[in-house]
Amino acid sequence: MTLAPNQTELLARARADLRMGVPVMLTRGARTVLVAAAETLSSGRLADMRTLGAPVLAITPRRADTLKARAYSDQVARIELPRDAGCDWVASVADPADDLTHPMKGPFRTVRGGNDTLEALSIALCKTARLLPATLVIDVSNAREIASQDNLTTISLDDAIVDDLSLSSVIHARLPLSVSDAGRLHIFRPNDGSEEHYAVEIGRPSRDEPVLARLHSACFTGDVLGSLKCDCGPQLHTALARMGEEGRGILLYLNQEGRGIGLANKMRAYSLQDQGFDTVEANHRLGFEDDERDFRIGSEILKSLGFSSVRLMTNNPRKVAMMEGAGIHVAERVPLKVGKGTHNADYLATKAAKSGHLL
């Protein structure tokens, strides 16, 4: 029946469940596992999972490297839980907040061999839920019975969680701005249930020539609060001002806070930076890659608005490459070097040295 949720909808449900601390079932082929997010795990649910067998804590190779735990694949490290380990132990392994005050967390016994695909998929699911990338995983043989009894979301997966990048245009309306009376705001809703994204159109740019464009990732601290730790706020306002001066342009405001890790994890990264780590090192200690964003979302919005070519305002060559790979021609890269100050000089230097930004 069409009333039943499809896989995209089930994944959205699973993300919500994990955020609330509710376990989910993942199945692939003949194997089914029960998965709980390490960040939201409760002592009661941990005790219940132990009655089903011996769970493992799945973490990313990035986090495993920080902990000096052996990851026997490039997808995931699987740490055996000590018999007396509780939620505090799980949290201390998943969250690097106290790594420096309590550096000796091991020794760890990690699982070698076997299929770790579902563990890797569970971590990918936690990332899209904007949680720490760490999960408690246990194999179950009576999955159907447990899922029915406890009303758990069950998802059958292939080799990867396929991102649904499709969006629906919800509404657009005139929005006079300080940079231009001829402003218009478009709202786009992803079909995977994630946050909405916005397109700010200045004037009436032609669809037949490259449009001055900016892909801007949401930055609550910089865009709204005026944070001095990054250059996001000045980039946002400068980009809009330049479009206003030209009389036309398109700014895409993508809800991919903290380079795609979410505001809570971004604040965790800031806390680690206060301990002396740079922005890339902080992401790695949390278990994330340097940049978890997907700029193909921007290309989909541009196409839906009728644009095929842009003059892209960015210092990030990765944005140019991803736009070109997604079918949007970048006729020109327009530098956007603004916002440098004493509080973010090291941050910008790290972006240039480790992430290839042209600063």
Protein backbone atom coordinates (compact mmCIF):
# COMPACT_ATOMS: atom_id res chain seq x y z
CA MET A 1 0.00 0.00 0.00
CA THR A 2 1.12 3.56 -0.66
CA LEU A 3 0.28 4.41 2.97
CA ALA A 4 3.45 2.62 4.10
CA PRO A 5 6.61 4.74 4.47
CA ASN A 6 9.28 4.31 1.79
CA GLN A 7 12.98 3.98 2.61
CA THR A 8 13.63 7.74 2.56
CA GLU A 9 10.78 8.25 5.02
CA LEU A 10 11.96 5.37 7.21
CA LEU A 11 15.44 6.90 7.34
CA ALA A 12 13.92 10.21 8.49
CA ARG A 13 12.00 8.33 11.16
CA ALA A 14 15.18 6.50 12.23
CA ARG A 15 17.12 9.75 12.55
CA ALA A 16 14.41 11.15 14.82
CA ASP A 17 14.37 7.95 16.88
CA LEU A 18 18.13 8.01 17.40
CA ARG A 19 18.04 11.66 18.45
CA MET A 20 15.49 10.76 21.13
CA GLY A 21 17.46 7.75 22.32
CA VAL A 22 15.22 5.11 20.72
CA PRO A 23 17.08 2.19 19.08
CA VAL A 24 16.41 1.18 15.48
CA MET A 25 16.84 -2.03 13.49
CA LEU A 26 19.08 -2.13 10.41
CA THR A 27 19.11 -5.16 8.17
CA ARG A 28 21.16 -6.14 5.14
CA GLY A 29 20.99 -9.56 3.60
CA ALA A 30 20.78 -12.19 6.32
CA ARG A 31 22.15 -9.92 9.05
CA THR A 32 20.11 -7.64 11.32
CA VAL A 33 21.45 -5.39 14.07
CA LEU A 34 19.91 -3.29 16.80
CA VAL A 35 21.44 0.18 16.86
CA ALA A 36 21.44 2.90 19.51
CA ALA A 37 23.17 6.28 19.28
CA ALA A 38 25.98 6.54 21.85
CA GLU A 39 25.14 10.18 22.54
CA THR A 40 21.53 9.57 23.58
CA LEU A 41 21.90 6.09 25.11
CA SER A 42 20.16 5.57 28.46
CA SER A 43 21.24 3.15 31.18
CA GLY A 44 17.92 1.30 30.94
CA ARG A 45 18.23 0.70 27.21
CA LEU A 46 21.88 -0.31 27.59
CA ALA A 47 20.84 -2.92 30.17
CA ASP A 48 18.09 -4.18 27.85
CA MET A 49 20.52 -4.46 24.94
CA ARG A 50 22.91 -6.50 27.06
CA THR A 51 20.18 -9.11 27.57
CA LEU A 52 20.30 -9.75 23.81
CA GLY A 53 24.03 -10.41 23.65
CA ALA A 54 27.36 -8.57 23.62
CA PRO A 55 27.12 -5.14 22.00
CA VAL A 56 30.05 -3.35 20.38
CA LEU A 57 30.68 0.39 20.21
CA ALA A 58 31.17 1.46 16.60
CA ILE A 59 33.25 4.60 16.02
CA THR A 60 34.88 6.16 12.97
CA PRO A 61 38.52 5.52 12.09
CA ARG A 62 39.15 9.23 12.81
CA ARG A 63 37.98 8.81 16.42
CA ALA A 64 39.75 5.47 16.72
CA ASP A 65 43.01 7.10 15.69
CA THR A 66 42.62 9.65 18.49
CA LEU A 67 41.95 6.86 21.02
CA LYS A 68 44.80 4.67 19.69
CA ALA A 69 42.24 1.91 19.06
CA ARG A 70 42.78 -0.45 16.14
CA ALA A 71 40.40 0.01 13.23
CA TYR A 72 40.69 -3.05 11.01
CA SER A 73 38.88 -1.39 8.10
CA ASP A 74 38.67 2.06 6.58
CA GLN A 75 34.98 2.25 7.48
CA VAL A 76 34.70 1.71 11.21
CA ALA A 77 36.32 0.49 14.42
CA ARG A 78 34.31 -1.89 16.62
CA ILE A 79 35.19 -1.75 20.31
CA GLU A 80 34.09 -4.52 22.63
CA LEU A 81 32.27 -3.22 25.71
CA PRO A 82 33.80 -4.25 29.04
CA ARG A 83 31.32 -6.10 31.23
CA ASP A 84 31.16 -3.25 33.75
CA ALA A 85 30.95 -0.47 31.15
CA GLY A 86 27.99 1.87 31.56
CA CYS A 87 26.71 4.91 29.72
CA ASP A 88 29.47 7.09 31.18
CA TRP A 89 32.11 4.81 29.66
CA VAL A 90 30.32 4.83 26.29
CA ALA A 91 30.07 8.63 26.38
CA SER A 92 33.74 9.04 27.29
CA VAL A 93 34.78 6.97 24.27
CA ALA A 94 32.38 8.69 21.86
CA ASP A 95 32.87 12.28 23.08
CA PRO A 96 36.36 13.83 23.19
CA ALA A 97 35.39 16.50 25.73
CA ASP A 98 37.54 14.98 28.48
CA ASP A 99 40.28 13.43 26.33
CA LEU A 100 42.96 15.69 27.79
CA THR A 101 41.85 15.39 31.42
CA HIS A 102 41.41 11.59 31.16
CA PRO A 103 43.71 10.55 28.29
CA MET A 104 44.08 6.88 29.30
CA LYS A 105 40.78 5.36 28.14
CA GLY A 106 42.04 1.99 27.00
CA PRO A 107 43.29 -0.53 26.40
CA PHE A 108 40.57 -1.36 23.91
CA ARG A 109 39.67 -4.72 22.45
CA THR A 110 38.50 -4.20 18.90
CA VAL A 111 36.75 -6.67 16.64
CA ARG A 112 38.68 -7.95 13.64
CA GLY A 113 37.19 -9.53 10.55
CA GLY A 114 33.58 -10.13 9.68
CA ASN A 115 31.21 -7.79 7.89
CA ASP A 116 31.15 -4.26 9.33
CA THR A 117 28.86 -2.68 6.73
CA LEU A 118 25.90 -2.23 9.07
CA GLU A 119 28.12 -0.65 11.72
CA ALA A 120 29.39 1.82 9.11
CA LEU A 121 25.83 2.54 7.95
CA SER A 122 24.74 3.14 11.54
CA ILE A 123 27.45 5.78 11.92
CA ALA A 124 26.40 7.42 8.65
CA LEU A 125 22.85 7.57 9.99
CA CYS A 126 24.05 9.25 13.20
CA LYS A 127 25.95 11.83 11.17
CA THR A 128 22.85 12.78 9.22
CA ALA A 129 20.98 13.01 12.54
CA ARG A 130 23.62 15.58 13.65
CA LEU A 131 24.72 13.32 16.53
CA LEU A 132 28.19 12.20 17.53
CA PRO A 133 29.27 9.51 15.03
CA ALA A 134 29.25 6.58 17.44
CA THR A 135 26.72 3.78 17.88
CA LEU A 136 26.09 0.79 20.08
CA VAL A 137 25.42 -2.21 17.82
CA ILE A 138 24.30 -5.75 18.60
CA ASP A 139 23.40 -8.62 16.29
CA VAL A 140 19.90 -10.01 16.79
CA SER A 141 18.35 -13.20 15.47
CA ASN A 142 14.72 -12.55 16.42
CA ALA A 143 14.59 -9.05 14.93
CA ARG A 144 10.99 -9.24 13.71
CA GLU A 145 9.75 -10.24 17.16
CA ILE A 146 11.73 -7.52 18.97
CA ALA A 147 10.75 -4.81 16.49
CA SER A 148 7.07 -5.75 16.73
CA GLN A 149 7.10 -6.03 20.51
CA ASP A 150 8.90 -2.71 21.08
CA ASN A 151 7.54 -0.84 18.03
CA LEU A 152 11.02 -0.17 16.60
CA THR A 153 11.76 1.31 13.18
CA THR A 154 13.26 -1.32 10.87
CA ILE A 155 15.10 -0.46 7.66
CA SER A 156 16.48 -2.78 5.02
CA LEU A 157 19.62 -1.26 3.51
CA ASP A 158 21.90 -1.88 0.56
CA ASP A 159 25.62 -1.10 0.58
CA ALA A 160 25.09 2.58 1.35
CA ILE A 161 22.58 5.02 2.65
CA VAL A 162 21.58 6.76 -0.56
CA ASP A 163 21.04 10.45 0.05
CA ASP A 164 17.81 11.77 -1.42
CA LEU A 165 18.81 15.17 -2.75
CA SER A 166 15.43 15.95 -4.26
CA LEU A 167 13.69 19.08 -3.01
CA SER A 168 10.28 20.63 -3.39
CA SER A 169 9.68 24.32 -3.90
CA VAL A 170 7.35 25.38 -1.10
CA ILE A 171 6.79 29.10 -1.65
CA HIS A 172 8.51 32.26 -2.81
CA ALA A 173 7.62 35.87 -2.11
CA ARG A 174 8.94 39.38 -2.52
CA LEU A 175 11.32 40.40 0.27
CA PRO A 176 12.76 43.94 0.12
CA LEU A 177 16.26 43.94 1.64
CA SER A 178 18.67 46.62 2.77
CA VAL A 179 20.91 45.77 -0.20
CA SER A 180 18.07 45.75 -2.73
CA ASP A 181 14.37 46.55 -2.86
CA ALA A 182 14.09 43.82 -5.49
CA GLY A 183 14.66 40.83 -3.21
CA ARG A 184 12.79 37.55 -3.32
CA LEU A 185 13.01 34.58 -0.94
CA HIS A 186 12.46 31.00 -2.13
CA ILE A 187 11.90 28.15 0.34
CA PHE A 188 12.91 24.59 -0.59
CA ARG A 189 11.97 21.54 1.46
CA PRO A 190 14.10 18.37 1.10
CA ASN A 191 12.10 15.20 0.53
CA ASP A 192 14.20 13.36 3.14
CA GLY A 193 12.69 15.33 6.02
CA SER A 194 15.83 17.36 6.77
CA GLU A 195 16.03 21.11 7.29
CA GLU A 196 14.69 23.49 4.66
CA HIS A 197 17.08 25.49 2.48
CA TYR A 198 16.63 29.01 1.09
CA ALA A 199 17.45 30.92 -2.06
CA VAL A 200 17.69 34.71 -1.93
CA GLU A 201 17.18 36.15 -5.41
CA ILE A 202 18.29 39.72 -6.02
CA GLY A 203 16.66 41.45 -8.98
CA ARG A 204 15.67 39.38 -11.98
CA PRO A 205 18.89 37.67 -13.09
CA SER A 206 18.92 36.22 -16.60
CA ARG A 207 18.87 32.46 -16.88
CA ASP A 208 20.82 32.68 -20.15
CA GLU A 209 24.12 33.94 -18.71
CA PRO A 210 26.28 33.18 -15.65
CA VAL A 211 24.67 34.57 -12.52
CA LEU A 212 26.62 35.99 -9.58
CA ALA A 213 26.01 33.32 -6.95
CA ARG A 214 27.05 32.33 -3.45
CA LEU A 215 26.62 28.96 -1.72
CA HIS A 216 26.48 29.94 1.95
CA SER A 217 26.26 27.36 4.72
CA ALA A 218 24.20 28.42 7.71
CA CYS A 219 26.29 29.75 10.58
CA PHE A 220 24.13 30.76 13.54
CA THR A 221 27.11 32.04 15.51
CA GLY A 222 28.54 34.13 12.67
CA ASP A 223 25.48 35.14 10.66
CA VAL A 224 23.20 35.94 13.61
CA LEU A 225 25.41 36.54 16.65
CA GLY A 226 28.32 38.23 14.88
CA SER A 227 30.90 35.70 16.08
CA LEU A 228 34.52 36.70 15.54
CA LYS A 229 35.72 33.07 15.42
CA CYS A 230 34.89 32.72 11.71
CA ASP A 231 34.42 34.83 8.59
CA CYS A 232 30.90 33.62 7.79
CA GLY A 233 28.93 36.73 8.78
CA PRO A 234 31.09 39.14 6.75
CA GLN A 235 31.01 36.76 3.78
CA LEU A 236 27.21 36.56 3.90
CA HIS A 237 26.67 40.30 4.07
CA THR A 238 29.41 41.15 1.57
CA ALA A 239 28.00 38.68 -0.95
CA LEU A 240 24.52 40.19 -0.65
CA ALA A 241 25.93 43.71 -0.91
CA ARG A 242 27.80 42.87 -4.12
CA MET A 243 24.68 41.37 -5.62
CA GLY A 244 22.80 44.50 -4.66
CA GLU A 245 25.44 46.64 -6.38
CA GLU A 246 25.13 44.57 -9.56
CA GLY A 247 21.35 44.59 -9.31
CA ARG A 248 21.11 40.82 -9.65
CA GLY A 249 22.34 37.61 -8.08
CA ILE A 250 21.36 34.47 -6.20
CA LEU A 251 22.46 33.50 -2.69
CA LEU A 252 21.75 29.96 -1.55
CA TYR A 253 21.48 29.62 2.24
CA LEU A 254 22.03 25.94 2.99
CA ASN A 255 21.26 24.52 6.42
CA GLN A 256 24.56 22.68 6.83
CA GLU A 257 25.78 24.27 10.07
CA GLY A 258 29.34 23.66 11.18
CA ARG A 259 30.51 22.31 7.82
CA GLY A 260 27.70 19.76 7.98
CA ILE A 261 28.06 18.46 11.56
CA GLY A 262 25.34 20.57 13.20
CA LEU A 263 25.47 23.34 15.78
CA ALA A 264 25.89 21.09 18.84
CA ASN A 265 28.89 19.29 17.33
CA LYS A 266 30.25 22.61 16.11
CA MET A 267 30.22 23.86 19.71
CA ARG A 268 31.99 20.65 20.73
CA ALA A 269 34.63 21.48 18.11
CA TYR A 270 34.91 25.03 19.48
CA SER A 271 35.46 23.61 22.96
CA LEU A 272 38.27 21.44 21.59
CA GLN A 273 39.76 24.48 19.85
CA ASP A 274 39.86 26.18 23.25
CA GLN A 275 42.00 23.23 24.36
CA GLY A 276 44.53 23.97 21.61
CA PHE A 277 43.37 21.94 18.61
CA ASP A 278 42.79 23.56 15.22
CA THR A 279 39.45 23.30 13.42
CA VAL A 280 40.42 20.22 11.37
CA GLU A 281 41.96 18.42 14.34
CA ALA A 282 38.83 19.14 16.39
CA ASN A 283 36.59 17.61 13.72
CA HIS A 284 38.79 14.52 13.56
CA ARG A 285 38.78 14.05 17.33
CA LEU A 286 34.98 14.14 17.21
CA GLY A 287 35.03 11.44 14.53
CA PHE A 288 34.11 13.63 11.56
CA GLU A 289 35.92 14.40 8.33
CA ASP A 290 37.26 17.90 7.62
CA ASP A 291 34.05 18.85 5.83
CA GLU A 292 30.79 16.87 5.87
CA ARG A 293 28.77 19.20 3.65
CA ASP A 294 27.12 18.24 0.36
CA PHE A 295 27.04 21.17 -2.04
CA ARG A 296 25.04 19.16 -4.58
CA ILE A 297 22.01 20.48 -2.72
CA GLY A 298 22.92 23.93 -4.02
CA SER A 299 23.18 22.66 -7.58
CA GLU A 300 19.70 21.12 -7.34
CA ILE A 301 18.23 24.44 -6.19
CA LEU A 302 20.00 26.35 -8.95
CA LYS A 303 18.70 23.95 -11.58
CA SER A 304 15.15 24.18 -10.23
CA LEU A 305 15.36 27.97 -10.55
CA GLY A 306 16.53 27.67 -14.14
CA PHE A 307 20.23 28.46 -13.72
CA SER A 308 22.94 26.42 -15.42
CA SER A 309 25.98 28.68 -15.12
CA VAL A 310 27.34 30.79 -12.25
CA ARG A 311 30.02 33.24 -11.25
CA LEU A 312 30.63 31.62 -7.91
CA MET A 313 31.65 33.76 -4.94
CA THR A 314 33.90 31.46 -2.92
CA ASN A 315 37.42 30.85 -1.67
CA ASN A 316 36.80 27.09 -1.60
CA PRO A 317 37.87 25.13 -4.71
CA ARG A 318 35.84 22.15 -3.46
CA LYS A 319 32.65 24.11 -4.06
CA VAL A 320 33.73 24.81 -7.64
CA ALA A 321 34.55 21.15 -8.27
CA MET A 322 31.29 19.91 -6.76
CA MET A 323 29.22 22.41 -8.75
CA GLU A 324 30.91 21.37 -11.98
CA GLY A 325 30.47 17.70 -11.09
CA ALA A 326 26.78 18.25 -10.44
CA GLY A 327 26.14 19.90 -13.79
CA ILE A 328 26.44 23.60 -12.94
CA HIS A 329 29.07 25.39 -15.03
CA VAL A 330 31.30 27.72 -13.00
CA ALA A 331 32.24 30.43 -15.48
CA GLU A 332 34.26 32.33 -12.90
CA ARG A 333 35.38 31.99 -9.29
CA VAL A 334 34.90 35.32 -7.55
CA PRO A 335 37.11 35.66 -4.43
CA LEU A 336 35.41 36.65 -1.17
CA LYS A 337 38.26 37.55 1.18
CA VAL A 338 36.63 39.40 4.06
CA GLY A 339 36.23 39.12 7.81
CA LYS A 340 39.78 38.33 8.94
CA GLY A 341 40.57 39.40 12.50
CA THR A 342 42.63 38.55 15.54
CA HIS A 343 40.13 35.95 16.78
CA ASN A 344 39.95 33.96 13.54
CA ALA A 345 43.41 34.39 12.00
CA ASP A 346 44.50 30.88 13.03
CA TYR A 347 41.18 29.41 11.85
CA LEU A 348 41.59 30.97 8.41
CA ALA A 349 45.23 29.87 8.22
CA THR A 350 44.13 26.29 8.95
CA LYS A 351 41.45 26.46 6.24
CA ALA A 352 44.11 27.57 3.76
CA ALA A 353 46.77 25.06 4.83
CA LYS A 354 44.61 21.96 5.42
CA SER A 355 41.39 22.52 3.45
CA GLY A 356 42.84 24.25 0.39
CA HIS A 357 40.92 27.52 0.71
CA LEU A 358 42.41 30.24 -1.49
CA LEU A 359 43.03 32.97 1.08
